[in-house]
Amino acid sequence: MKRPGKKVATDRSFVVALSRGLDVLRAFHPNDGLLGNQELAARTNLPKPTISRLTYTLTKLGYLTPVPRFEKYQLAPSAMALGYAALANLGVRHLSEPYREELMRETGGAVAVGGRDRHSMIYFGQSRNGLLGVQLDVGSRVPIATTAMGRAYIWALPDDERASLLRELRDHYGSRWSRMRDGIERAGEMVARQGFTISAGEWQDDVHAVGVSLKLSDGTGPYAFNCGAPAFRFTEDRLINDIGPRLVTMVRNIEAALGGAAPQSKKADNKKVKAGGRVARLSEGIR
C-alpha cells in the first residue's frame, strides 16, 4: 500500500489520520490470522511508531483485538461487521447467485463477481464446487492488470477514470508494466469485438478465465464477473468460443434484472465497433 499522494495529502478536506487507520484495517487479508506492528508497517509503508498509535486506537475503538501472547492483532467483530454490512447492501451479489450457480454447473468452472480495491479486484460473491483447484473465496483479491475480471473492469470505466487507473498501475508495476499494458490493450480489442476478456496463464500459469463487466443505471459499480478453471479444463479455444459467450449472456441478463442497460443485439455491437472509437480509447492513458 502507498501513503496518500501529495495532492491528496494537501487537500484540506482529506483526513490523513483516518486514511492511515483504514490502511491498517485493509492490511489484513482473508487467510492472515494475526499480524504484528512490524508486519503492518511493512504492508502499509507507514513508520512503526505511527502503526503502534494506530493499532492502539483501533483496539480502543473495537476494530482490532490484541493477542498479547504473540504481540499481534486480529480483526475484531466491529471491523468484520463493516464488511458484512457492505455485502448485505450489494444487490448484485444476491441477485446474481442463481445465475452464477447455473453457469458453474453448466461449465464446471468457478464463477465470481467482484469490485475494485485499489490495484486489485476483491471477490464479494463466489460460486464453485469442491472439485475445482481454485482456492479463492469471498474477500479474496486478484490483480486488476493480469486477470480477466480486472481487465473487464478496466474497459468498463469512463475514459478519464480508465486513464487515471492505468497511470496508477504503470507507476505501481514499474518495469513489469510494458507486458501488462500489452495484455490490457488486447483485452480492450476483445471487449470491443466480443464483449469479454480472457486471461490464459497471465495471472497464474495454470489458471484460465473469462471476464465480463456489469454496468448499472443507478451509478454504482462497475463490477465484473469471471468464470475460471484450471488450464487443462478451460483451453483458450473453449474460453473464446464457449465460456466467453455464456458469461456475456449471464451478465447481460443480470444487468437487465437489476435495471441496467438492456442487452444489445449482435448487430448493434458490430456497428459500435465499426464506429472507430476503439483506437482512440486504446491509446488513452496507456502509452
Protein backbone atom coordinates (compact mmCIF):
# COMPACT_ATOMS: atom_id res chain seq x y z
CA MET A 1 0.00 0.00 0.00
CA LYS A 2 1.06 3.59 -0.59
CA ARG A 3 0.75 6.66 1.55
CA PRO A 4 -1.65 9.35 0.30
CA GLY A 5 -0.16 11.23 -2.64
CA LYS A 6 0.97 14.82 -2.32
CA LYS A 7 -2.17 16.19 -3.96
CA VAL A 8 -4.41 14.19 -1.63
CA ALA A 9 -2.35 14.92 1.47
CA THR A 10 -2.66 18.69 0.88
CA ASP A 11 -6.43 18.52 0.34
CA ARG A 12 -7.91 20.35 3.35
CA SER A 13 -10.96 18.06 3.30
CA PHE A 14 -8.84 14.89 3.37
CA VAL A 15 -8.24 13.35 6.83
CA VAL A 16 -4.83 11.68 6.62
CA ALA A 17 -5.10 10.01 10.05
CA LEU A 18 -8.37 8.33 9.04
CA SER A 19 -6.81 7.19 5.77
CA ARG A 20 -3.91 5.60 7.63
CA GLY A 21 -6.20 3.88 10.09
CA LEU A 22 -8.18 2.37 7.23
CA ASP A 23 -4.91 1.28 5.60
CA VAL A 24 -4.15 -0.74 8.73
CA LEU A 25 -7.53 -2.50 8.50
CA ARG A 26 -7.00 -3.11 4.77
CA ALA A 27 -3.68 -4.79 5.51
CA PHE A 28 -5.45 -7.84 6.95
CA HIS A 29 -6.10 -10.43 4.24
CA PRO A 30 -8.61 -13.32 4.47
CA ASN A 31 -6.10 -16.01 5.44
CA ASP A 32 -3.69 -13.93 7.53
CA GLY A 33 -4.83 -14.63 11.06
CA LEU A 34 -2.61 -12.49 13.28
CA LEU A 35 -0.43 -9.53 12.27
CA GLY A 36 2.07 -7.59 14.37
CA ASN A 37 3.09 -3.94 14.16
CA GLN A 38 6.19 -4.79 12.15
CA GLU A 39 4.17 -6.69 9.53
CA LEU A 40 1.58 -3.91 9.39
CA ALA A 41 4.30 -1.31 8.92
CA ALA A 42 5.73 -3.29 6.01
CA ARG A 43 2.33 -3.68 4.35
CA THR A 44 1.28 -0.05 4.72
CA ASN A 45 4.66 1.67 4.27
CA LEU A 46 3.98 3.60 7.45
CA PRO A 47 6.55 4.16 10.25
CA LYS A 48 6.36 1.65 13.07
CA PRO A 49 5.68 4.34 15.75
CA THR A 50 2.70 5.52 13.66
CA ILE A 51 1.47 1.93 13.37
CA SER A 52 1.75 1.50 17.14
CA ARG A 53 -0.51 4.51 17.72
CA LEU A 54 -2.98 3.38 15.10
CA THR A 55 -3.26 -0.19 16.39
CA TYR A 56 -3.72 1.17 19.93
CA THR A 57 -6.53 3.46 18.73
CA LEU A 58 -8.20 0.78 16.63
CA THR A 59 -8.06 -1.58 19.60
CA LYS A 60 -9.73 1.02 21.84
CA LEU A 61 -12.44 1.52 19.20
CA GLY A 62 -13.08 -2.21 18.96
CA TYR A 63 -11.82 -2.75 15.40
CA LEU A 64 -8.76 -4.80 16.42
CA THR A 65 -8.34 -7.46 19.07
CA PRO A 66 -4.87 -7.71 20.64
CA VAL A 67 -3.31 -11.11 21.23
CA PRO A 68 -0.70 -10.32 23.92
CA ARG A 69 0.90 -13.75 23.84
CA PHE A 70 2.16 -13.14 20.30
CA GLU A 71 2.23 -9.32 20.43
CA LYS A 72 -0.07 -9.27 17.42
CA TYR A 73 -3.60 -8.31 16.41
CA GLN A 74 -6.57 -9.75 14.61
CA LEU A 75 -9.66 -8.09 13.16
CA ALA A 76 -12.39 -7.69 15.76
CA PRO A 77 -16.13 -8.24 15.14
CA SER A 78 -16.70 -4.48 14.72
CA ALA A 79 -14.37 -4.45 11.71
CA MET A 80 -15.95 -7.55 10.22
CA ALA A 81 -19.40 -6.04 10.71
CA LEU A 82 -18.47 -3.27 8.28
CA GLY A 83 -17.71 -5.85 5.62
CA TYR A 84 -20.87 -7.82 6.24
CA ALA A 85 -22.95 -4.63 6.09
CA ALA A 86 -21.38 -3.76 2.74
CA LEU A 87 -22.11 -7.25 1.40
CA ALA A 88 -25.71 -7.02 2.56
CA ASN A 89 -26.16 -3.80 0.58
CA LEU A 90 -24.81 -5.29 -2.66
CA GLY A 91 -27.94 -6.35 -4.50
CA VAL A 92 -25.82 -7.60 -7.38
CA ARG A 93 -24.30 -10.24 -5.09
CA HIS A 94 -27.64 -11.68 -4.03
CA LEU A 95 -29.45 -11.44 -7.36
CA SER A 96 -26.54 -12.93 -9.30
CA GLU A 97 -26.23 -16.04 -7.13
CA PRO A 98 -28.67 -18.31 -9.03
CA TYR A 99 -27.16 -17.18 -12.34
CA ARG A 100 -23.67 -17.94 -11.05
CA GLU A 101 -24.70 -21.33 -9.73
CA GLU A 102 -26.28 -22.27 -13.06
CA LEU A 103 -23.20 -21.27 -15.07
CA MET A 104 -20.97 -23.13 -12.63
CA ARG A 105 -22.99 -26.32 -13.20
CA GLU A 106 -23.04 -25.85 -16.98
CA THR A 107 -19.32 -25.16 -17.42
CA GLY A 108 -17.62 -26.81 -14.45
CA GLY A 109 -15.83 -23.55 -13.68
CA ALA A 110 -15.80 -21.21 -10.69
CA VAL A 111 -17.92 -18.08 -11.20
CA ALA A 112 -17.32 -14.93 -9.18
CA VAL A 113 -18.30 -11.27 -9.01
CA GLY A 114 -16.04 -8.54 -7.68
CA GLY A 115 -15.32 -4.85 -7.40
CA ARG A 116 -12.19 -2.73 -7.31
CA ASP A 117 -10.00 -2.34 -4.25
CA ARG A 118 -7.10 -0.09 -5.30
CA HIS A 119 -4.93 -2.17 -7.63
CA SER A 120 -6.92 -5.35 -7.06
CA MET A 121 -10.37 -6.77 -7.59
CA ILE A 122 -11.97 -8.14 -4.43
CA TYR A 123 -14.44 -11.01 -4.58
CA PHE A 124 -17.80 -10.40 -2.92
CA GLY A 125 -19.62 -13.36 -4.45
CA GLN A 126 -18.26 -16.77 -5.44
CA SER A 127 -19.81 -19.98 -6.77
CA ARG A 128 -17.61 -23.06 -7.05
CA ASN A 129 -17.74 -26.77 -6.39
CA GLY A 130 -15.34 -28.69 -4.20
CA LEU A 131 -13.68 -30.46 -7.13
CA LEU A 132 -12.01 -27.35 -8.52
CA GLY A 133 -8.47 -26.47 -7.52
CA VAL A 134 -9.46 -22.78 -7.26
CA GLN A 135 -8.96 -21.62 -3.66
CA LEU A 136 -10.36 -18.09 -3.98
CA ASP A 137 -13.39 -17.14 -1.92
CA VAL A 138 -15.32 -14.06 -0.77
CA GLY A 139 -12.79 -11.45 0.36
CA SER A 140 -10.01 -12.76 -1.88
CA ARG A 141 -8.10 -10.26 -4.02
CA VAL A 142 -6.78 -10.71 -7.54
CA PRO A 143 -4.72 -8.18 -9.53
CA ILE A 144 -6.52 -5.88 -11.93
CA ALA A 145 -3.80 -5.79 -14.58
CA THR A 146 -3.39 -9.50 -15.35
CA THR A 147 -6.77 -11.11 -14.63
CA ALA A 148 -9.83 -11.42 -16.83
CA MET A 149 -12.03 -9.86 -14.13
CA GLY A 150 -9.68 -6.91 -13.70
CA ARG A 151 -9.32 -6.24 -17.40
CA ALA A 152 -13.08 -6.38 -17.90
CA TYR A 153 -13.39 -3.79 -15.13
CA ILE A 154 -10.78 -1.53 -16.75
CA TRP A 155 -12.65 -1.40 -20.05
CA ALA A 156 -15.96 -0.66 -18.33
CA LEU A 157 -14.60 2.62 -16.91
CA PRO A 158 -15.16 6.05 -18.47
CA ASP A 159 -12.13 7.22 -20.46
CA ASP A 160 -10.82 9.63 -17.84
CA GLU A 161 -11.15 7.14 -14.97
CA ARG A 162 -9.50 4.40 -17.02
CA ALA A 163 -6.60 6.70 -17.91
CA SER A 164 -6.11 7.56 -14.23
CA LEU A 165 -6.15 3.92 -13.17
CA LEU A 166 -3.72 2.91 -15.90
CA ARG A 167 -1.28 5.60 -14.78
CA GLU A 168 -1.54 4.25 -11.23
CA LEU A 169 -0.85 0.73 -12.46
CA ARG A 170 2.10 1.92 -14.55
CA ASP A 171 3.67 3.60 -11.53
CA HIS A 172 2.90 0.62 -9.30
CA TYR A 173 4.41 -2.05 -11.55
CA GLY A 174 7.36 -0.16 -12.99
CA SER A 175 9.44 -2.30 -15.37
CA ARG A 176 6.76 -5.01 -15.45
CA TRP A 177 4.17 -2.61 -16.83
CA SER A 178 5.07 -2.92 -20.53
CA ARG A 179 3.98 -6.56 -20.78
CA MET A 180 0.88 -5.94 -18.68
CA ARG A 181 -0.07 -2.96 -20.84
CA ASP A 182 0.04 -5.12 -23.95
CA GLY A 183 -2.35 -7.59 -22.33
CA ILE A 184 -4.71 -4.79 -21.35
CA GLU A 185 -4.69 -3.41 -24.91
CA ARG A 186 -5.54 -6.84 -26.31
CA ALA A 187 -8.33 -7.11 -23.74
CA GLY A 188 -9.79 -3.82 -24.94
CA GLU A 189 -9.84 -5.07 -28.52
CA MET A 190 -11.53 -8.30 -27.44
CA VAL A 191 -14.17 -6.43 -25.42
CA ALA A 192 -14.95 -4.29 -28.46
CA ARG A 193 -15.32 -7.35 -30.71
CA GLN A 194 -16.79 -9.98 -28.41
CA GLY A 195 -17.88 -8.37 -25.15
CA PHE A 196 -15.46 -10.27 -22.88
CA THR A 197 -11.80 -10.55 -21.94
CA ILE A 198 -9.63 -13.59 -21.28
CA SER A 199 -6.57 -14.30 -19.16
CA ALA A 200 -4.85 -17.52 -20.16
CA GLY A 201 -1.99 -18.14 -17.76
CA GLU A 202 -1.15 -14.43 -17.44
CA TRP A 203 -2.00 -14.25 -13.74
CA GLN A 204 -1.18 -17.81 -12.75
CA ASP A 205 0.26 -20.31 -15.22
CA ASP A 206 -2.35 -22.97 -14.55
CA VAL A 207 -5.45 -20.74 -14.42
CA HIS A 208 -7.56 -19.71 -17.44
CA ALA A 209 -10.55 -17.39 -17.13
CA VAL A 210 -13.02 -15.12 -18.90
CA GLY A 211 -14.18 -11.72 -17.61
CA VAL A 212 -17.25 -9.58 -18.32
CA SER A 213 -18.17 -6.21 -16.80
CA LEU A 214 -21.51 -5.21 -15.30
CA LYS A 215 -22.82 -1.64 -15.53
CA LEU A 216 -25.86 -0.41 -13.60
CA SER A 217 -28.09 2.58 -14.27
CA ASP A 218 -28.01 3.74 -10.62
CA GLY A 219 -24.38 4.86 -10.87
CA THR A 220 -22.89 2.08 -8.74
CA GLY A 221 -20.04 -0.04 -10.00
CA PRO A 222 -18.87 -1.02 -12.45
CA TYR A 223 -18.44 -4.56 -11.26
CA ALA A 224 -17.02 -7.55 -13.09
CA PHE A 225 -17.69 -11.27 -13.27
CA ASN A 226 -15.31 -14.07 -14.16
CA CYS A 227 -15.55 -17.76 -14.92
CA GLY A 228 -12.33 -19.69 -14.48
CA ALA A 229 -10.85 -23.14 -14.08
CA PRO A 230 -7.54 -24.97 -14.32
CA ALA A 231 -5.99 -24.55 -17.77
CA PHE A 232 -6.50 -28.17 -18.77
CA ARG A 233 -10.27 -27.72 -18.35
CA PHE A 234 -10.62 -24.31 -19.98
CA THR A 235 -8.45 -24.23 -23.09
CA GLU A 236 -8.07 -20.91 -24.91
CA ASP A 237 -10.33 -22.17 -27.67
CA ARG A 238 -13.05 -23.03 -25.16
CA LEU A 239 -12.63 -19.68 -23.41
CA ILE A 240 -13.27 -17.82 -26.65
CA ASN A 241 -15.92 -19.98 -28.27
CA ASP A 242 -17.87 -21.34 -25.30
CA ILE A 243 -17.20 -19.84 -21.86
CA GLY A 244 -16.95 -16.21 -23.01
CA PRO A 245 -20.30 -16.08 -24.84
CA ARG A 246 -22.00 -17.90 -21.95
CA LEU A 247 -20.66 -15.40 -19.42
CA VAL A 248 -21.71 -12.43 -21.57
CA THR A 249 -25.26 -13.80 -21.75
CA MET A 250 -25.34 -14.37 -17.99
CA VAL A 251 -24.10 -10.88 -17.13
CA ARG A 252 -26.42 -9.13 -19.58
CA ASN A 253 -29.37 -11.00 -18.03
CA ILE A 254 -28.27 -9.92 -14.54
CA GLU A 255 -27.79 -6.36 -15.78
CA ALA A 256 -31.32 -6.28 -17.18
CA ALA A 257 -32.76 -7.77 -13.97
CA LEU A 258 -31.04 -5.07 -11.91
CA GLY A 259 -32.31 -2.27 -14.11
CA GLY A 260 -29.13 -1.74 -16.12
CA ALA A 261 -28.85 -1.26 -19.84
CA ALA A 262 -30.82 -3.71 -21.93
CA PRO A 263 -28.72 -6.31 -23.75
CA GLN A 264 -27.66 -5.09 -27.18
CA SER A 265 -28.15 -7.13 -30.30
CA LYS A 266 -25.16 -8.53 -32.13
CA LYS A 267 -25.89 -6.14 -35.00
CA ALA A 268 -25.74 -3.16 -32.65
CA ASP A 269 -22.46 -4.36 -31.14
CA ASN A 270 -20.86 -4.70 -34.55
CA LYS A 271 -21.99 -1.22 -35.50
CA LYS A 272 -20.34 0.18 -32.36
CA VAL A 273 -17.00 -1.44 -33.19
CA LYS A 274 -17.06 -0.08 -36.76
CA ALA A 275 -17.65 3.45 -35.46
CA GLY A 276 -13.90 3.90 -34.99
CA GLY A 277 -13.79 4.82 -31.29
CA ARG A 278 -11.74 1.81 -30.34
CA VAL A 279 -8.31 3.05 -31.43
CA ALA A 280 -8.68 6.32 -29.53
CA ARG A 281 -9.73 4.65 -26.31
CA LEU A 282 -6.96 2.03 -26.56
CA SER A 283 -4.29 4.71 -26.67
CA GLU A 284 -5.87 6.86 -23.96
CA GLY A 285 -3.74 6.77 -20.83
CA ILE A 286 -1.78 3.63 -21.72
CA ARG A 287 1.20 4.83 -23.72
